[in-house]
Amino acid sequence: MAAVRAGKVEALNFLLAHGADAWKADARGNLAVHHAAALTDAACLSALIAHADKLEAPDLMASDRYSSRLLGRMLTESARLA
C-alpha cells in the first residue's frame, strides 16, 4: 500500500510479483486499489487491475457502494490517461 500511496509503480509491480497481498485492507478498510483510485494514479491502478486478472481477487464492484464509485472513477481515469 505504501508503494501505491507514493506512486511508485515499479515498486508496486515488484511487490506484487513477489507475493505481496494486494487485497489486505488498511486500518480503515481501504485496499491499495482504493488508494490508487483516490489519487487517480493510472499506472498503479493498471498494475493492480492486471494483478487482479491473474488471481482470484475479491469482487470489488459488489463489495460496497464506495468501492463501486472508486472503481468506476479509476477505470474512467485510467482510460482517459491511456
PDB file of N, CA and C in Angstrom:
ATOM      1  N   MET A   1       0.821  -1.192   0.000  1.00  0.00           N
ATOM      2  CA  MET A   1       0.000   0.000   0.000  1.00  0.00           C
ATOM      3  C   MET A   1       0.868   1.261   0.000  1.00  0.00           C
ATOM      4  N   ALA A   2       2.013   1.179   0.662  1.00  0.00           N
ATOM      5  CA  ALA A   2       2.914   2.329   0.697  1.00  0.00           C
ATOM      6  C   ALA A   2       3.408   2.679  -0.700  1.00  0.00           C
ATOM      7  N   ALA A   3       3.665   1.667  -1.523  1.00  0.00           N
ATOM      8  CA  ALA A   3       4.118   1.919  -2.896  1.00  0.00           C
ATOM      9  C   ALA A   3       3.049   2.664  -3.678  1.00  0.00           C
ATOM     10  N   VAL A   4       1.796   2.303  -3.485  1.00  0.00           N
ATOM     11  CA  VAL A   4       0.691   2.983  -4.171  1.00  0.00           C
ATOM     12  C   VAL A   4       0.584   4.420  -3.685  1.00  0.00           C
ATOM     13  N   ARG A   5       0.601   4.618  -2.367  1.00  0.00           N
ATOM     14  CA  ARG A   5       0.479   5.983  -1.830  1.00  0.00           C
ATOM     15  C   ARG A   5       1.624   6.875  -2.288  1.00  0.00           C
ATOM     16  N   ALA A   6       2.801   6.274  -2.536  1.00  0.00           N
ATOM     17  CA  ALA A   6       3.957   7.043  -3.003  1.00  0.00           C
ATOM     18  C   ALA A   6       4.003   7.152  -4.524  1.00  0.00           C
ATOM     19  N   GLY A   7       3.090   6.452  -5.211  1.00  0.00           N
ATOM     20  CA  GLY A   7       3.061   6.500  -6.662  1.00  0.00           C
ATOM     21  C   GLY A   7       4.222   5.777  -7.319  1.00  0.00           C
ATOM     22  N   LYS A   8       4.742   4.770  -6.669  1.00  0.00           N
ATOM     23  CA  LYS A   8       5.903   4.016  -7.147  1.00  0.00           C
ATOM     24  C   LYS A   8       5.452   2.725  -7.824  1.00  0.00           C
ATOM     25  N   VAL A   9       5.078   2.811  -9.092  1.00  0.00           N
ATOM     26  CA  VAL A   9       4.542   1.655  -9.801  1.00  0.00           C
ATOM     27  C   VAL A   9       5.581   0.551  -9.948  1.00  0.00           C
ATOM     28  N   GLU A  10       6.858   0.916 -10.115  1.00  0.00           N
ATOM     29  CA  GLU A  10       7.897  -0.119 -10.235  1.00  0.00           C
ATOM     30  C   GLU A  10       7.979  -0.926  -8.946  1.00  0.00           C
ATOM     31  N   ALA A  11       7.946  -0.242  -7.823  1.00  0.00           N
ATOM     32  CA  ALA A  11       7.978  -0.934  -6.530  1.00  0.00           C
ATOM     33  C   ALA A  11       6.725  -1.783  -6.347  1.00  0.00           C
ATOM     34  N   LEU A  12       5.581  -1.256  -6.745  1.00  0.00           N
ATOM     35  CA  LEU A  12       4.328  -1.999  -6.652  1.00  0.00           C
ATOM     36  C   LEU A  12       4.400  -3.279  -7.482  1.00  0.00           C
ATOM     37  N   ASN A  13       4.866  -3.164  -8.710  1.00  0.00           N
ATOM     38  CA  ASN A  13       4.984  -4.349  -9.570  1.00  0.00           C
ATOM     39  C   ASN A  13       5.932  -5.380  -8.970  1.00  0.00           C
ATOM     40  N   PHE A  14       7.034  -4.922  -8.408  1.00  0.00           N
ATOM     41  CA  PHE A  14       7.984  -5.834  -7.766  1.00  0.00           C
ATOM     42  C   PHE A  14       7.322  -6.552  -6.598  1.00  0.00           C
ATOM     43  N   LEU A  15       6.645  -5.795  -5.760  1.00  0.00           N
ATOM     44  CA  LEU A  15       5.987  -6.388  -4.587  1.00  0.00           C
ATOM     45  C   LEU A  15       4.904  -7.381  -4.987  1.00  0.00           C
ATOM     46  N   LEU A  16       4.105  -7.021  -5.979  1.00  0.00           N
ATOM     47  CA  LEU A  16       3.052  -7.928  -6.439  1.00  0.00           C
ATOM     48  C   LEU A  16       3.644  -9.204  -7.033  1.00  0.00           C
ATOM     49  N   ALA A  17       4.723  -9.058  -7.781  1.00  0.00           N
ATOM     50  CA  ALA A  17       5.365 -10.223  -8.397  1.00  0.00           C
ATOM     51  C   ALA A  17       5.975 -11.153  -7.358  1.00  0.00           C
ATOM     52  N   HIS A  18       6.261 -10.609  -6.179  1.00  0.00           N
ATOM     53  CA  HIS A  18       6.894 -11.409  -5.129  1.00  0.00           C
ATOM     54  C   HIS A  18       5.940 -11.742  -3.986  1.00  0.00           C
ATOM     55  N   GLY A  19       4.648 -11.727  -4.281  1.00  0.00           N
ATOM     56  CA  GLY A  19       3.672 -12.251  -3.341  1.00  0.00           C
ATOM     57  C   GLY A  19       3.007 -11.276  -2.390  1.00  0.00           C
ATOM     58  N   ALA A  20       3.182  -9.979  -2.600  1.00  0.00           N
ATOM     59  CA  ALA A  20       2.501  -9.016  -1.726  1.00  0.00           C
ATOM     60  C   ALA A  20       0.991  -9.194  -1.850  1.00  0.00           C
ATOM     61  N   ASP A  21       0.293  -9.029  -0.746  1.00  0.00           N
ATOM     62  CA  ASP A  21      -1.161  -9.183  -0.713  1.00  0.00           C
ATOM     63  C   ASP A  21      -1.828  -7.860  -1.061  1.00  0.00           C
ATOM     64  N   ALA A  22      -2.257  -7.735  -2.318  1.00  0.00           N
ATOM     65  CA  ALA A  22      -2.904  -6.503  -2.781  1.00  0.00           C
ATOM     66  C   ALA A  22      -4.287  -6.323  -2.181  1.00  0.00           C
ATOM     67  N   TRP A  23      -4.825  -7.379  -1.553  1.00  0.00           N
ATOM     68  CA  TRP A  23      -6.193  -7.328  -1.037  1.00  0.00           C
ATOM     69  C   TRP A  23      -6.236  -7.173   0.471  1.00  0.00           C
ATOM     70  N   LYS A  24      -5.100  -6.857   1.070  1.00  0.00           N
ATOM     71  CA  LYS A  24      -5.070  -6.610   2.510  1.00  0.00           C
ATOM     72  C   LYS A  24      -5.501  -5.160   2.756  1.00  0.00           C
ATOM     73  N   ALA A  25      -6.466  -4.998   3.622  1.00  0.00           N
ATOM     74  CA  ALA A  25      -7.012  -3.666   3.900  1.00  0.00           C
ATOM     75  C   ALA A  25      -6.191  -2.942   4.954  1.00  0.00           C
ATOM     76  N   ASP A  26      -6.217  -1.614   4.876  1.00  0.00           N
ATOM     77  CA  ASP A  26      -5.569  -0.810   5.916  1.00  0.00           C
ATOM     78  C   ASP A  26      -6.515  -0.694   7.113  1.00  0.00           C
ATOM     79  N   ALA A  27      -6.153   0.113   8.084  1.00  0.00           N
ATOM     80  CA  ALA A  27      -6.937   0.238   9.313  1.00  0.00           C
ATOM     81  C   ALA A  27      -8.363   0.742   9.055  1.00  0.00           C
ATOM     82  N   ARG A  28      -8.568   1.446   7.955  1.00  0.00           N
ATOM     83  CA  ARG A  28      -9.897   1.977   7.620  1.00  0.00           C
ATOM     84  C   ARG A  28     -10.676   1.068   6.673  1.00  0.00           C
ATOM     85  N   GLY A  29     -10.068  -0.057   6.316  1.00  0.00           N
ATOM     86  CA  GLY A  29     -10.742  -0.984   5.430  1.00  0.00           C
ATOM     87  C   GLY A  29     -10.505  -0.734   3.952  1.00  0.00           C
ATOM     88  N   ASN A  30      -9.610   0.201   3.632  1.00  0.00           N
ATOM     89  CA  ASN A  30      -9.325   0.509   2.239  1.00  0.00           C
ATOM     90  C   ASN A  30      -8.242  -0.410   1.690  1.00  0.00           C
ATOM     91  N   LEU A  31      -8.407  -0.801   0.446  1.00  0.00           N
ATOM     92  CA  LEU A  31      -7.420  -1.612  -0.262  1.00  0.00           C
ATOM     93  C   LEU A  31      -6.490  -0.699  -1.051  1.00  0.00           C
ATOM     94  N   ALA A  32      -5.419  -1.270  -1.572  1.00  0.00           N
ATOM     95  CA  ALA A  32      -4.487  -0.498  -2.405  1.00  0.00           C
ATOM     96  C   ALA A  32      -5.216   0.132  -3.587  1.00  0.00           C
ATOM     97  N   VAL A  33      -6.166  -0.588  -4.159  1.00  0.00           N
ATOM     98  CA  VAL A  33      -6.916  -0.064  -5.291  1.00  0.00           C
ATOM     99  C   VAL A  33      -7.720   1.177  -4.896  1.00  0.00           C
ATOM    100  N   HIS A  34      -8.210   1.236  -3.674  1.00  0.00           N
ATOM    101  CA  HIS A  34      -8.921   2.428  -3.209  1.00  0.00           C
ATOM    102  C   HIS A  34      -7.976   3.626  -3.175  1.00  0.00           C
ATOM    103  N   HIS A  35      -6.766   3.404  -2.650  1.00  0.00           N
ATOM    104  CA  HIS A  35      -5.789   4.492  -2.582  1.00  0.00           C
ATOM    105  C   HIS A  35      -5.389   4.959  -3.974  1.00  0.00           C
ATOM    106  N   ALA A  36      -5.163   4.016  -4.890  1.00  0.00           N
ATOM    107  CA  ALA A  36      -4.792   4.383  -6.252  1.00  0.00           C
ATOM    108  C   ALA A  36      -5.905   5.176  -6.927  1.00  0.00           C
ATOM    109  N   ALA A  37      -7.147   4.763  -6.723  1.00  0.00           N
ATOM    110  CA  ALA A  37      -8.276   5.488  -7.312  1.00  0.00           C
ATOM    111  C   ALA A  37      -8.406   6.876  -6.723  1.00  0.00           C
ATOM    112  N   ALA A  38      -8.265   6.980  -5.416  1.00  0.00           N
ATOM    113  CA  ALA A  38      -8.382   8.292  -4.766  1.00  0.00           C
ATOM    114  C   ALA A  38      -7.287   9.245  -5.238  1.00  0.00           C
ATOM    115  N   LEU A  39      -6.121   8.702  -5.529  1.00  0.00           N
ATOM    116  CA  LEU A  39      -5.002   9.519  -6.008  1.00  0.00           C
ATOM    117  C   LEU A  39      -5.009   9.670  -7.527  1.00  0.00           C
ATOM    118  N   THR A  40      -5.976   9.038  -8.195  1.00  0.00           N
ATOM    119  CA  THR A  40      -6.074   8.974  -9.658  1.00  0.00           C
ATOM    120  C   THR A  40      -4.721   8.621 -10.277  1.00  0.00           C
ATOM    121  N   ASP A  41      -4.104   7.588  -9.726  1.00  0.00           N
ATOM    122  CA  ASP A  41      -2.814   7.104 -10.220  1.00  0.00           C
ATOM    123  C   ASP A  41      -3.068   5.983 -11.216  1.00  0.00           C
ATOM    124  N   ALA A  42      -3.110   6.339 -12.492  1.00  0.00           N
ATOM    125  CA  ALA A  42      -3.449   5.382 -13.542  1.00  0.00           C
ATOM    126  C   ALA A  42      -2.444   4.249 -13.640  1.00  0.00           C
ATOM    127  N   ALA A  43      -1.166   4.527 -13.423  1.00  0.00           N
ATOM    128  CA  ALA A  43      -0.145   3.482 -13.537  1.00  0.00           C
ATOM    129  C   ALA A  43      -0.334   2.427 -12.450  1.00  0.00           C
ATOM    130  N   CYS A  44      -0.514   2.864 -11.213  1.00  0.00           N
ATOM    131  CA  CYS A  44      -0.732   1.912 -10.115  1.00  0.00           C
ATOM    132  C   CYS A  44      -2.060   1.191 -10.285  1.00  0.00           C
ATOM    133  N   LEU A  45      -3.067   1.916 -10.728  1.00  0.00           N
ATOM    134  CA  LEU A  45      -4.374   1.316 -10.977  1.00  0.00           C
ATOM    135  C   LEU A  45      -4.272   0.206 -12.017  1.00  0.00           C
ATOM    136  N   SER A  46      -3.574   0.485 -13.091  1.00  0.00           N
ATOM    137  CA  SER A  46      -3.403  -0.508 -14.145  1.00  0.00           C
ATOM    138  C   SER A  46      -2.658  -1.735 -13.630  1.00  0.00           C
ATOM    139  N   ALA A  47      -1.622  -1.514 -12.824  1.00  0.00           N
ATOM    140  CA  ALA A  47      -0.859  -2.633 -12.261  1.00  0.00           C
ATOM    141  C   ALA A  47      -1.742  -3.489 -11.364  1.00  0.00           C
ATOM    142  N   LEU A  48      -2.558  -2.850 -10.546  1.00  0.00           N
ATOM    143  CA  LEU A  48      -3.444  -3.588  -9.644  1.00  0.00           C
ATOM    144  C   LEU A  48      -4.520  -4.345 -10.419  1.00  0.00           C
ATOM    145  N   ILE A  49      -5.039  -3.733 -11.473  1.00  0.00           N
ATOM    146  CA  ILE A  49      -6.052  -4.400 -12.295  1.00  0.00           C
ATOM    147  C   ILE A  49      -5.436  -5.606 -12.999  1.00  0.00           C
ATOM    148  N   ALA A  50      -4.252  -5.422 -13.556  1.00  0.00           N
ATOM    149  CA  ALA A  50      -3.571  -6.534 -14.223  1.00  0.00           C
ATOM    150  C   ALA A  50      -3.301  -7.665 -13.238  1.00  0.00           C
ATOM    151  N   HIS A  51      -2.916  -7.316 -12.033  1.00  0.00           N
ATOM    152  CA  HIS A  51      -2.656  -8.321 -10.998  1.00  0.00           C
ATOM    153  C   HIS A  51      -3.950  -9.042 -10.619  1.00  0.00           C
ATOM    154  N   ALA A  52      -5.038  -8.305 -10.525  1.00  0.00           N
ATOM    155  CA  ALA A  52      -6.331  -8.899 -10.170  1.00  0.00           C
ATOM    156  C   ALA A  52      -6.778  -9.889 -11.228  1.00  0.00           C
ATOM    157  N   ASP A  53      -6.455  -9.610 -12.480  1.00  0.00           N
ATOM    158  CA  ASP A  53      -6.835 -10.518 -13.565  1.00  0.00           C
ATOM    159  C   ASP A  53      -6.120 -11.860 -13.459  1.00  0.00           C
ATOM    160  N   LYS A  54      -4.967 -11.877 -12.811  1.00  0.00           N
ATOM    161  CA  LYS A  54      -4.175 -13.103 -12.701  1.00  0.00           C
ATOM    162  C   LYS A  54      -4.551 -13.941 -11.485  1.00  0.00           C
ATOM    163  N   LEU A  55      -5.219 -13.351 -10.542  1.00  0.00           N
ATOM    164  CA  LEU A  55      -5.513 -14.027  -9.280  1.00  0.00           C
ATOM    165  C   LEU A  55      -7.004 -14.108  -9.021  1.00  0.00           C
ATOM    166  N   GLU A  56      -7.350 -14.816  -8.005  1.00  0.00           N
ATOM    167  CA  GLU A  56      -8.730 -14.837  -7.551  1.00  0.00           C
ATOM    168  C   GLU A  56      -8.902 -13.632  -6.633  1.00  0.00           C
ATOM    169  N   ALA A  57      -9.318 -12.536  -7.199  1.00  0.00           N
ATOM    170  CA  ALA A  57      -9.452 -11.283  -6.469  1.00  0.00           C
ATOM    171  C   ALA A  57     -10.879 -11.123  -5.967  1.00  0.00           C
ATOM    172  N   PRO A  58     -11.052 -10.350  -4.903  1.00  0.00           N
ATOM    173  CA  PRO A  58     -12.417 -10.105  -4.429  1.00  0.00           C
ATOM    174  C   PRO A  58     -13.207  -9.320  -5.465  1.00  0.00           C
ATOM    175  N   ASP A  59     -14.497  -9.461  -5.430  1.00  0.00           N
ATOM    176  CA  ASP A  59     -15.372  -8.737  -6.348  1.00  0.00           C
ATOM    177  C   ASP A  59     -15.531  -7.314  -5.841  1.00  0.00           C
ATOM    178  N   LEU A  60     -14.697  -6.417  -6.345  1.00  0.00           N
ATOM    179  CA  LEU A  60     -14.706  -5.034  -5.857  1.00  0.00           C
ATOM    180  C   LEU A  60     -15.999  -4.314  -6.209  1.00  0.00           C
ATOM    181  N   MET A  61     -16.616  -4.671  -7.334  1.00  0.00           N
ATOM    182  CA  MET A  61     -17.849  -3.983  -7.714  1.00  0.00           C
ATOM    183  C   MET A  61     -18.998  -4.322  -6.775  1.00  0.00           C
ATOM    184  N   ALA A  62     -18.977  -5.494  -6.198  1.00  0.00           N
ATOM    185  CA  ALA A  62     -20.086  -5.913  -5.350  1.00  0.00           C
ATOM    186  C   ALA A  62     -19.838  -5.647  -3.871  1.00  0.00           C
ATOM    187  N   SER A  63     -18.624  -5.256  -3.509  1.00  0.00           N
ATOM    188  CA  SER A  63     -18.297  -5.188  -2.087  1.00  0.00           C
ATOM    189  C   SER A  63     -19.052  -4.082  -1.348  1.00  0.00           C
ATOM    190  N   ASP A  64     -19.136  -2.913  -1.930  1.00  0.00           N
ATOM    191  CA  ASP A  64     -19.914  -1.839  -1.329  1.00  0.00           C
ATOM    192  C   ASP A  64     -20.036  -0.680  -2.313  1.00  0.00           C
ATOM    193  N   ARG A  65     -20.882   0.255  -1.996  1.00  0.00           N
ATOM    194  CA  ARG A  65     -21.133   1.376  -2.898  1.00  0.00           C
ATOM    195  C   ARG A  65     -19.898   2.247  -3.077  1.00  0.00           C
ATOM    196  N   TYR A  66     -19.134   2.457  -1.990  1.00  0.00           N
ATOM    197  CA  TYR A  66     -17.917   3.264  -2.048  1.00  0.00           C
ATOM    198  C   TYR A  66     -16.921   2.631  -3.008  1.00  0.00           C
ATOM    199  N   SER A  67     -16.729   1.340  -2.912  1.00  0.00           N
ATOM    200  CA  SER A  67     -15.802   0.639  -3.794  1.00  0.00           C
ATOM    201  C   SER A  67     -16.258   0.754  -5.244  1.00  0.00           C
ATOM    202  N   SER A  68     -17.542   0.632  -5.484  1.00  0.00           N
ATOM    203  CA  SER A  68     -18.059   0.726  -6.838  1.00  0.00           C
ATOM    204  C   SER A  68     -17.782   2.097  -7.436  1.00  0.00           C
ATOM    205  N   ARG A  69     -17.989   3.152  -6.664  1.00  0.00           N
ATOM    206  CA  ARG A  69     -17.715   4.505  -7.157  1.00  0.00           C
ATOM    207  C   ARG A  69     -16.238   4.686  -7.438  1.00  0.00           C
ATOM    208  N   LEU A  70     -15.384   4.214  -6.520  1.00  0.00           N
ATOM    209  CA  LEU A  70     -13.949   4.350  -6.725  1.00  0.00           C
ATOM    210  C   LEU A  70     -13.473   3.546  -7.914  1.00  0.00           C
ATOM    211  N   LEU A  71     -13.980   2.342  -8.060  1.00  0.00           N
ATOM    212  CA  LEU A  71     -13.572   1.517  -9.185  1.00  0.00           C
ATOM    213  C   LEU A  71     -14.015   2.158 -10.496  1.00  0.00           C
ATOM    214  N   GLY A  72     -15.215   2.692 -10.530  1.00  0.00           N
ATOM    215  CA  GLY A  72     -15.682   3.390 -11.724  1.00  0.00           C
ATOM    216  C   GLY A  72     -14.812   4.591 -12.040  1.00  0.00           C
ATOM    217  N   ARG A  73     -14.456   5.355 -11.017  1.00  0.00           N
ATOM    218  CA  ARG A  73     -13.586   6.520 -11.199  1.00  0.00           C
ATOM    219  C   ARG A  73     -12.224   6.076 -11.711  1.00  0.00           C
ATOM    220  N   MET A  74     -11.710   5.007 -11.141  1.00  0.00           N
ATOM    221  CA  MET A  74     -10.405   4.503 -11.517  1.00  0.00           C
ATOM    222  C   MET A  74     -10.392   4.062 -12.974  1.00  0.00           C
ATOM    223  N   LEU A  75     -11.407   3.338 -13.408  1.00  0.00           N
ATOM    224  CA  LEU A  75     -11.455   2.869 -14.786  1.00  0.00           C
ATOM    225  C   LEU A  75     -11.617   4.032 -15.771  1.00  0.00           C
ATOM    226  N   THR A  76     -12.433   5.003 -15.408  1.00  0.00           N
ATOM    227  CA  THR A  76     -12.624   6.177 -16.251  1.00  0.00           C
ATOM    228  C   THR A  76     -11.328   6.950 -16.396  1.00  0.00           C
ATOM    229  N   GLU A  77     -10.660   7.186 -15.284  1.00  0.00           N
ATOM    230  CA  GLU A  77      -9.404   7.947 -15.311  1.00  0.00           C
ATOM    231  C   GLU A  77      -8.319   7.178 -16.035  1.00  0.00           C
ATOM    232  N   SER A  78      -8.254   5.887 -15.816  1.00  0.00           N
ATOM    233  CA  SER A  78      -7.254   5.071 -16.492  1.00  0.00           C
ATOM    234  C   SER A  78      -7.448   5.114 -18.003  1.00  0.00           C
ATOM    235  N   ALA A  79      -8.688   5.028 -18.462  1.00  0.00           N
ATOM    236  CA  ALA A  79      -8.985   5.100 -19.898  1.00  0.00           C
ATOM    237  C   ALA A  79      -8.652   6.483 -20.454  1.00  0.00           C
ATOM    238  N   ARG A  80      -8.928   7.512 -19.682  1.00  0.00           N
ATOM    239  CA  ARG A  80      -8.654   8.869 -20.131  1.00  0.00           C
ATOM    240  C   ARG A  80      -7.159   9.106 -20.298  1.00  0.00           C
ATOM    241  N   LEU A  81      -6.351   8.558 -19.407  1.00  0.00           N
ATOM    242  CA  LEU A  81      -4.914   8.777 -19.435  1.00  0.00           C
ATOM    243  C   LEU A  81      -4.186   7.853 -20.411  1.00  0.00           C
ATOM    244  N   ALA A  82      -4.864   6.801 -20.839  1.00  0.00           N
ATOM    245  CA  ALA A  82      -4.195   5.819 -21.724  1.00  0.00           C
ATOM    246  C   ALA A  82      -4.010   6.348 -23.122  1.00  0.00           C
TER     247      ALA A  82
END
